Amino acid sequence: MPRFASDFLRSRSGSLAPILILSMIPLLTAVGFSVDYTSAVQTRSNMQAALDAGILAITTMDTSSTLPQRQVTLQNAFVANGGEGTATLKSFVVSANGTATAQATASFAMPTVFMKIARIDNVPVAVASAVTKTPALVQTTFKVTGVSGYWNKKMTLYGTQFGASVAKPLMTIDYTYGNTKDPKGYGTTIVNTITNSGGQDVTTMVQKQVCTVGKNPPNGVTLKTDASGTKYYCVDTMYPSNGTGAVIDVSQMNGLYLQMDVPSGNPKKLMSNDPATSNRLYNGVSANSLTETATGQIVDIFSIVPCGIPSYQAWEDGGNPVPAPVSNADFFYTVNGKCDFNQRPSNTVLTQ
């Protein structure tokens, strides 16, 4: 058989061999073109994923970043994620309410292998991405409205900065029982902010509330009656005098949680990000309708502080079993949230 095939190809009396060879050229070309096409499709897929990663990366940059700085970050992230060619930032706009939108493209002249037969040396591959990022919490203001009980306790707001792994305290609220000996118990609460200066934590008092049992409050102070029928009143002193409470910058924070330490309680430590103890935290947008956190749930402080309106939170410090009505809580405060463009990635959505 091999000898027959060899004789067939050398034969000069027929024309089948040249015809066969010529007929194979289009077939080989088509197969080659399909290989280049498949390569282009895969390249485009890789570029799209890389550009998506790049445009998401630039939405977490500092708010003061310029367009050229974002362009550099976009290109670096594009290449680091396997993109080929050049990524171009077309626009990055932050509106007055803090909503950010961005558009980017990428292009690459992919070299061909088989298409060179048809004098096609490269194939242009192009992709595009767009994102929208909604405003997020950048500032919170905590103000104590009332704390009671026989047990001393301390609430701390912790925040984890972008790129950090350890949370640091941003605010403390300390309550000391005043030995009033009434059924509910009242005392002194001090609110402090904690900032970092030169590597050192600086504590600043912003509010002091003293609650006293009695029937003769100072002028301008409201006399109250608790569930036990006790008459009492609370005097607030703000620092400065026109202050609104503990103003906390959370724009650089990737995570926030609250912790209540109650040395005489059981449990002694309550945490909003601990599913075993978060059910002692209440929250809502009405002072008269606070919802208790469901058992087993982790609370994201970013998600329970709305933008631009007051919200209300309370803690049951451990003196009563939960679930329980919010009237059993001993630690009440308001939180005002301000939202704007933020570095948190979770608010960014791909739109193209």
Protein backbone atom coordinates (compact mmCIF):
# COMPACT_ATOMS: atom_id res chain seq x y z
CA MET A 1 0.00 0.00 0.00
CA PRO A 2 2.74 2.60 0.79
CA ARG A 3 4.39 1.89 -2.54
CA PHE A 4 1.10 2.34 -4.34
CA ALA A 5 0.52 5.74 -2.73
CA SER A 6 4.03 6.83 -3.63
CA ASP A 7 3.59 5.76 -7.25
CA PHE A 8 0.25 7.59 -7.35
CA LEU A 9 1.78 10.88 -6.29
CA ARG A 10 4.69 10.57 -8.78
CA SER A 11 2.45 9.69 -11.65
CA ARG A 12 2.52 12.28 -14.47
CA SER A 13 -0.36 10.78 -16.31
CA GLY A 14 -3.00 12.07 -13.87
CA SER A 15 -3.92 15.41 -12.29
CA LEU A 16 -5.46 14.31 -8.99
CA ALA A 17 -2.44 15.14 -6.79
CA PRO A 18 -2.24 18.84 -7.66
CA ILE A 19 -5.99 19.14 -7.42
CA LEU A 20 -5.94 17.48 -3.99
CA ILE A 21 -3.21 19.76 -2.71
CA LEU A 22 -4.92 22.88 -4.03
CA SER A 23 -8.24 21.85 -2.50
CA MET A 24 -6.61 21.46 0.90
CA ILE A 25 -5.38 25.06 1.01
CA PRO A 26 -8.83 26.61 1.73
CA LEU A 27 -9.50 23.90 4.29
CA LEU A 28 -6.23 24.55 6.13
CA THR A 29 -6.84 28.29 5.92
CA ALA A 30 -10.32 27.92 7.43
CA VAL A 31 -8.97 25.77 10.26
CA GLY A 32 -6.21 28.31 10.88
CA PHE A 33 -8.65 31.21 10.89
CA SER A 34 -10.82 29.40 13.44
CA VAL A 35 -7.78 28.94 15.70
CA ASP A 36 -7.01 32.67 15.54
CA TYR A 37 -10.68 33.49 16.11
CA THR A 38 -10.82 31.26 19.20
CA SER A 39 -7.69 32.94 20.50
CA ALA A 40 -9.26 36.38 19.97
CA VAL A 41 -12.42 35.35 21.83
CA GLN A 42 -10.36 34.11 24.80
CA THR A 43 -8.23 37.26 24.75
CA ARG A 44 -11.34 39.42 24.78
CA SER A 45 -12.78 37.48 27.72
CA ASN A 46 -9.55 37.91 29.69
CA MET A 47 -9.41 41.62 28.85
CA GLN A 48 -13.02 42.14 29.97
CA ALA A 49 -12.37 40.51 33.34
CA ALA A 50 -9.16 42.54 33.77
CA LEU A 51 -10.87 45.82 32.87
CA ASP A 52 -13.75 45.10 35.25
CA ALA A 53 -11.22 44.52 38.05
CA GLY A 54 -9.40 47.71 37.13
CA ILE A 55 -12.45 49.97 37.10
CA LEU A 56 -13.60 48.54 40.43
CA ALA A 57 -10.15 49.27 41.87
CA ILE A 58 -10.26 52.97 41.06
CA THR A 59 -13.57 53.44 42.91
CA THR A 60 -11.82 52.65 46.21
CA MET A 61 -9.17 55.35 45.79
CA ASP A 62 -9.10 58.46 47.97
CA THR A 63 -11.70 61.07 47.09
CA SER A 64 -9.00 63.61 46.26
CA SER A 65 -7.41 61.38 43.58
CA THR A 66 -7.06 63.02 40.17
CA LEU A 67 -8.12 61.54 36.85
CA PRO A 68 -4.45 60.87 35.81
CA GLN A 69 -3.85 59.07 39.13
CA ARG A 70 -6.90 56.92 38.58
CA GLN A 71 -5.70 56.23 35.02
CA VAL A 72 -2.40 54.87 36.35
CA THR A 73 -4.20 52.65 38.86
CA LEU A 74 -6.60 51.43 36.18
CA GLN A 75 -3.77 50.42 33.82
CA ASN A 76 -1.76 48.75 36.61
CA ALA A 77 -4.77 46.77 37.83
CA PHE A 78 -5.67 45.85 34.23
CA VAL A 79 -2.22 44.40 33.57
CA ALA A 80 -2.02 42.72 36.99
CA ASN A 81 -5.26 40.86 36.23
CA GLY A 82 -4.03 39.52 32.92
CA GLY A 83 -5.23 42.22 30.56
CA GLU A 84 -3.31 42.85 27.32
CA GLY A 85 -3.03 46.18 25.58
CA THR A 86 -4.01 49.57 26.97
CA ALA A 87 -6.82 50.47 29.36
CA THR A 88 -8.19 54.00 29.10
CA LEU A 89 -10.28 55.81 31.71
CA LYS A 90 -12.90 57.75 29.77
CA SER A 91 -14.59 59.44 32.73
CA PHE A 92 -14.88 59.48 36.51
CA VAL A 93 -17.59 61.79 37.88
CA VAL A 94 -18.83 62.28 41.44
CA SER A 95 -22.19 64.05 41.60
CA ALA A 96 -23.28 66.51 44.28
CA ASN A 97 -24.96 63.77 46.33
CA GLY A 98 -21.87 61.55 46.28
CA THR A 99 -22.87 59.12 43.51
CA ALA A 100 -19.86 58.15 41.40
CA THR A 101 -19.93 56.91 37.81
CA ALA A 102 -17.00 55.80 35.69
CA GLN A 103 -16.39 54.47 32.18
CA ALA A 104 -13.32 52.78 30.76
CA THR A 105 -12.23 50.96 27.61
CA ALA A 106 -9.33 48.72 26.65
CA SER A 107 -7.91 47.78 23.26
CA PHE A 108 -5.28 45.36 21.98
CA ALA A 109 -3.99 44.46 18.51
CA MET A 110 -3.77 40.69 18.90
CA PRO A 111 -1.09 39.15 16.64
CA THR A 112 -2.37 36.38 14.37
CA VAL A 113 -0.73 33.12 13.38
CA PHE A 114 -2.67 31.56 10.54
CA MET A 115 -4.40 34.71 9.30
CA LYS A 116 -1.03 35.95 8.12
CA ILE A 117 -1.66 33.73 5.10
CA ALA A 118 -4.32 36.26 4.12
CA ARG A 119 -1.96 39.11 5.08
CA ILE A 120 -3.90 39.84 8.30
CA ASP A 121 -1.14 40.39 10.86
CA ASN A 122 -3.34 41.31 13.83
CA VAL A 123 -6.94 41.49 14.96
CA PRO A 124 -8.24 44.46 17.02
CA VAL A 125 -9.84 43.40 20.31
CA ALA A 126 -11.78 45.97 22.37
CA VAL A 127 -13.80 45.87 25.60
CA ALA A 128 -15.62 48.43 27.76
CA SER A 129 -16.71 48.68 31.42
CA ALA A 130 -18.82 51.10 33.43
CA VAL A 131 -19.65 51.35 37.13
CA THR A 132 -22.01 53.21 39.42
CA LYS A 133 -21.21 53.69 43.09
CA THR A 134 -23.91 54.89 45.47
CA PRO A 135 -23.12 57.22 48.39
CA ALA A 136 -22.10 55.51 51.61
CA LEU A 137 -21.69 56.43 55.25
CA VAL A 138 -18.74 58.79 55.78
CA GLN A 139 -19.59 60.30 59.16
CA THR A 140 -21.61 59.34 62.23
CA THR A 141 -22.67 61.49 65.18
CA PHE A 142 -23.53 59.70 68.43
CA LYS A 143 -25.44 61.45 71.20
CA VAL A 144 -26.55 59.82 74.44
CA THR A 145 -30.25 60.30 75.27
CA GLY A 146 -30.43 58.23 78.45
CA VAL A 147 -28.50 55.57 80.37
CA SER A 148 -29.60 53.83 83.56
CA GLY A 149 -28.94 50.81 85.75
CA TYR A 150 -26.97 49.71 88.79
CA TRP A 151 -24.16 48.32 86.65
CA ASN A 152 -21.29 50.38 85.31
CA LYS A 153 -20.78 49.83 81.56
CA LYS A 154 -18.87 51.09 78.59
CA MET A 155 -19.75 51.12 74.90
CA THR A 156 -16.98 51.41 72.31
CA LEU A 157 -17.22 52.00 68.56
CA TYR A 158 -14.45 50.13 66.73
CA GLY A 159 -13.39 50.69 63.12
CA THR A 160 -11.07 48.84 60.77
CA GLN A 161 -9.31 51.04 58.22
CA PHE A 162 -8.81 50.06 54.59
CA GLY A 163 -5.79 47.78 54.34
CA ALA A 164 -5.69 47.14 58.10
CA SER A 165 -6.51 43.91 59.89
CA VAL A 166 -6.94 45.19 63.45
CA ALA A 167 -9.88 47.37 64.56
CA LYS A 168 -9.17 50.47 66.63
CA PRO A 169 -11.45 52.40 69.02
CA LEU A 170 -13.08 55.51 67.58
CA MET A 171 -15.43 56.46 70.43
CA THR A 172 -16.28 55.45 74.01
CA ILE A 173 -19.41 56.01 76.10
CA ASP A 174 -18.80 55.35 79.83
CA TYR A 175 -21.62 55.04 82.37
CA THR A 176 -21.03 55.14 86.15
CA TYR A 177 -23.88 54.34 88.55
CA GLY A 178 -24.61 57.29 90.87
CA ASN A 179 -25.84 55.23 93.85
CA THR A 180 -29.34 56.71 93.54
CA LYS A 181 -30.84 53.51 95.05
CA ASP A 182 -34.11 53.89 93.21
CA PRO A 183 -35.53 50.83 91.35
CA LYS A 184 -34.02 51.81 88.00
CA GLY A 185 -30.76 53.47 88.97
CA TYR A 186 -29.18 56.57 87.41
CA GLY A 187 -25.71 58.03 87.12
CA THR A 188 -23.18 59.85 84.96
CA THR A 189 -22.38 59.14 81.31
CA ILE A 190 -19.35 60.55 79.49
CA VAL A 191 -18.91 60.40 75.71
CA ASN A 192 -15.40 60.63 74.24
CA THR A 193 -14.03 60.61 70.71
CA ILE A 194 -10.68 58.94 70.03
CA THR A 195 -8.42 60.25 67.28
CA ASN A 196 -4.84 59.44 66.38
CA SER A 197 -2.18 62.13 66.31
CA GLY A 198 1.47 61.32 65.72
CA GLY A 199 0.89 57.66 66.50
CA GLN A 200 -0.81 58.45 69.81
CA ASP A 201 -4.51 58.11 70.65
CA VAL A 202 -6.07 61.40 71.75
CA THR A 203 -9.26 61.23 73.84
CA THR A 204 -11.65 64.21 73.75
CA MET A 205 -14.80 64.55 75.87
CA VAL A 206 -17.78 65.73 73.80
CA GLN A 207 -20.77 65.07 76.07
CA LYS A 208 -21.47 64.60 79.76
CA GLN A 209 -24.91 63.55 80.97
CA VAL A 210 -25.79 63.46 84.67
CA CYS A 211 -29.12 61.87 85.58
CA THR A 212 -30.47 62.54 89.09
CA VAL A 213 -33.49 61.35 91.05
CA GLY A 214 -35.60 64.33 92.14
CA LYS A 215 -38.52 66.59 91.38
CA ASN A 216 -36.79 69.95 90.91
CA PRO A 217 -34.81 70.02 87.65
CA PRO A 218 -32.86 73.15 86.62
CA ASN A 219 -34.52 75.63 84.29
CA GLY A 220 -34.87 74.23 80.78
CA VAL A 221 -34.45 70.61 81.89
CA THR A 222 -37.41 68.23 81.54
CA LEU A 223 -38.66 66.26 84.53
CA LYS A 224 -39.30 62.62 83.62
CA THR A 225 -41.05 59.64 85.20
CA ASP A 226 -39.77 56.11 84.63
CA ALA A 227 -41.72 52.83 84.58
CA SER A 228 -41.28 52.48 88.34
CA GLY A 229 -42.86 55.86 88.98
CA THR A 230 -39.54 57.49 89.93
CA LYS A 231 -39.14 61.18 89.11
CA TYR A 232 -35.79 62.01 87.60
CA TYR A 233 -34.05 64.41 85.23
CA CYS A 234 -30.90 64.46 83.12
CA VAL A 235 -28.58 67.42 82.55
CA ASP A 236 -26.50 67.39 79.37
CA THR A 237 -23.29 69.35 78.94
CA MET A 238 -21.83 69.47 75.44
CA TYR A 239 -18.19 70.19 74.56
CA PRO A 240 -18.05 72.62 72.87
CA SER A 241 -21.30 74.11 74.14
CA ASN A 242 -22.82 74.07 70.64
CA GLY A 243 -21.60 70.53 69.94
CA THR A 244 -23.93 67.84 68.61
CA GLY A 245 -22.20 64.78 70.08
CA ALA A 246 -19.42 62.42 69.09
CA VAL A 247 -18.70 63.19 65.42
CA ILE A 248 -16.80 60.24 63.94
CA ASP A 249 -15.12 60.18 60.52
CA VAL A 250 -15.73 56.69 59.08
CA SER A 251 -14.86 57.47 55.46
CA GLN A 252 -11.62 55.48 55.73
CA MET A 253 -13.27 52.51 57.46
CA ASN A 254 -13.98 49.19 55.85
CA GLY A 255 -15.74 47.83 58.92
CA LEU A 256 -17.49 49.11 62.06
CA TYR A 257 -18.79 47.34 65.14
CA LEU A 258 -20.04 48.23 68.61
CA GLN A 259 -18.93 46.60 71.84
CA MET A 260 -20.57 46.89 75.27
CA ASP A 261 -18.46 45.91 78.28
CA VAL A 262 -20.50 45.18 81.41
CA PRO A 263 -18.17 43.90 84.17
CA SER A 264 -21.10 42.85 86.41
CA GLY A 265 -23.23 41.47 83.59
CA ASN A 266 -23.72 38.05 82.07
CA PRO A 267 -22.37 38.03 79.44
CA LYS A 268 -19.75 40.63 80.31
CA LYS A 269 -19.01 41.55 76.67
CA LEU A 270 -21.68 42.27 74.05
CA MET A 271 -20.68 42.80 70.42
CA SER A 272 -22.71 43.80 67.38
CA ASN A 273 -20.59 41.51 65.17
CA ASP A 274 -20.95 38.50 67.50
CA PRO A 275 -24.04 36.44 66.60
CA ALA A 276 -24.17 35.17 70.19
CA THR A 277 -24.61 38.64 71.76
CA SER A 278 -25.81 40.98 68.99
CA ASN A 279 -29.43 40.20 69.96
CA ARG A 280 -29.08 42.72 72.81
CA LEU A 281 -28.83 45.59 70.33
CA TYR A 282 -31.97 47.44 69.20
CA ASN A 283 -32.22 49.88 66.30
CA GLY A 284 -34.73 51.80 64.23
CA VAL A 285 -35.62 55.13 62.63
CA SER A 286 -38.20 55.97 65.28
CA ALA A 287 -37.55 56.43 69.00
CA ASN A 288 -40.86 54.67 69.67
CA SER A 289 -40.25 51.66 67.44
CA LEU A 290 -36.88 50.00 67.91
CA THR A 291 -36.36 46.46 66.63
CA GLU A 292 -34.34 43.90 68.51
CA THR A 293 -31.62 42.16 66.51
CA ALA A 294 -32.55 38.55 65.75
CA THR A 295 -30.54 35.89 67.56
CA GLY A 296 -27.64 34.63 65.46
CA GLN A 297 -27.44 37.73 63.27
CA ILE A 298 -24.34 39.87 62.72
CA VAL A 299 -25.03 43.60 62.57
CA ASP A 300 -23.23 45.77 59.99
CA ILE A 301 -23.19 49.25 61.53
CA PHE A 302 -22.85 50.75 58.04
CA SER A 303 -26.17 49.19 57.07
CA ILE A 304 -28.24 50.29 60.09
CA VAL A 305 -27.27 53.97 60.05
CA PRO A 306 -29.35 55.69 57.33
CA CYS A 307 -28.22 58.73 55.37
CA GLY A 308 -29.36 62.17 56.43
CA ILE A 309 -31.96 61.23 59.05
CA PRO A 310 -31.68 60.42 62.77
CA SER A 311 -31.66 56.78 63.79
CA TYR A 312 -32.03 55.30 67.25
CA GLN A 313 -30.18 52.51 69.00
CA ALA A 314 -30.34 50.89 72.43
CA TRP A 315 -28.67 48.07 74.37
CA GLU A 316 -29.98 45.66 76.96
CA ASP A 317 -26.93 45.37 79.22
CA GLY A 318 -27.58 41.83 80.46
CA GLY A 319 -29.93 42.35 83.39
CA ASN A 320 -32.85 40.79 81.50
CA PRO A 321 -33.03 37.74 79.25
CA VAL A 322 -33.66 38.36 75.55
CA PRO A 323 -35.76 38.56 73.47
CA ALA A 324 -37.34 41.35 75.48
CA PRO A 325 -39.18 44.63 74.83
CA VAL A 326 -36.96 47.63 74.18
CA SER A 327 -38.33 49.18 77.39
CA ASN A 328 -36.02 46.80 79.27
CA ALA A 329 -32.95 48.34 77.63
CA ASP A 330 -30.64 50.55 79.71
CA PHE A 331 -28.52 52.34 77.12
CA PHE A 332 -30.16 54.73 74.63
CA TYR A 333 -28.57 57.05 72.07
CA THR A 334 -29.19 58.61 68.68
CA VAL A 335 -27.02 58.26 65.58
CA ASN A 336 -27.01 60.74 62.70
CA GLY A 337 -25.40 59.53 59.50
CA LYS A 338 -23.87 61.58 56.71
CA CYS A 339 -23.34 59.89 53.35
CA ASP A 340 -21.09 60.85 50.46
CA PHE A 341 -18.57 59.30 48.06
CA ASN A 342 -16.78 56.60 50.03
CA GLN A 343 -13.86 54.23 49.47
CA ARG A 344 -15.83 51.13 50.48
CA PRO A 345 -15.95 48.69 47.51
CA SER A 346 -19.27 47.09 48.46
CA ASN A 347 -21.27 50.05 47.12
CA THR A 348 -19.90 49.67 43.57
CA VAL A 349 -21.96 47.93 40.85
CA LEU A 350 -20.83 47.10 37.31
CA THR A 351 -23.29 48.52 34.80
CA GLN A 352 -21.52 47.50 31.57
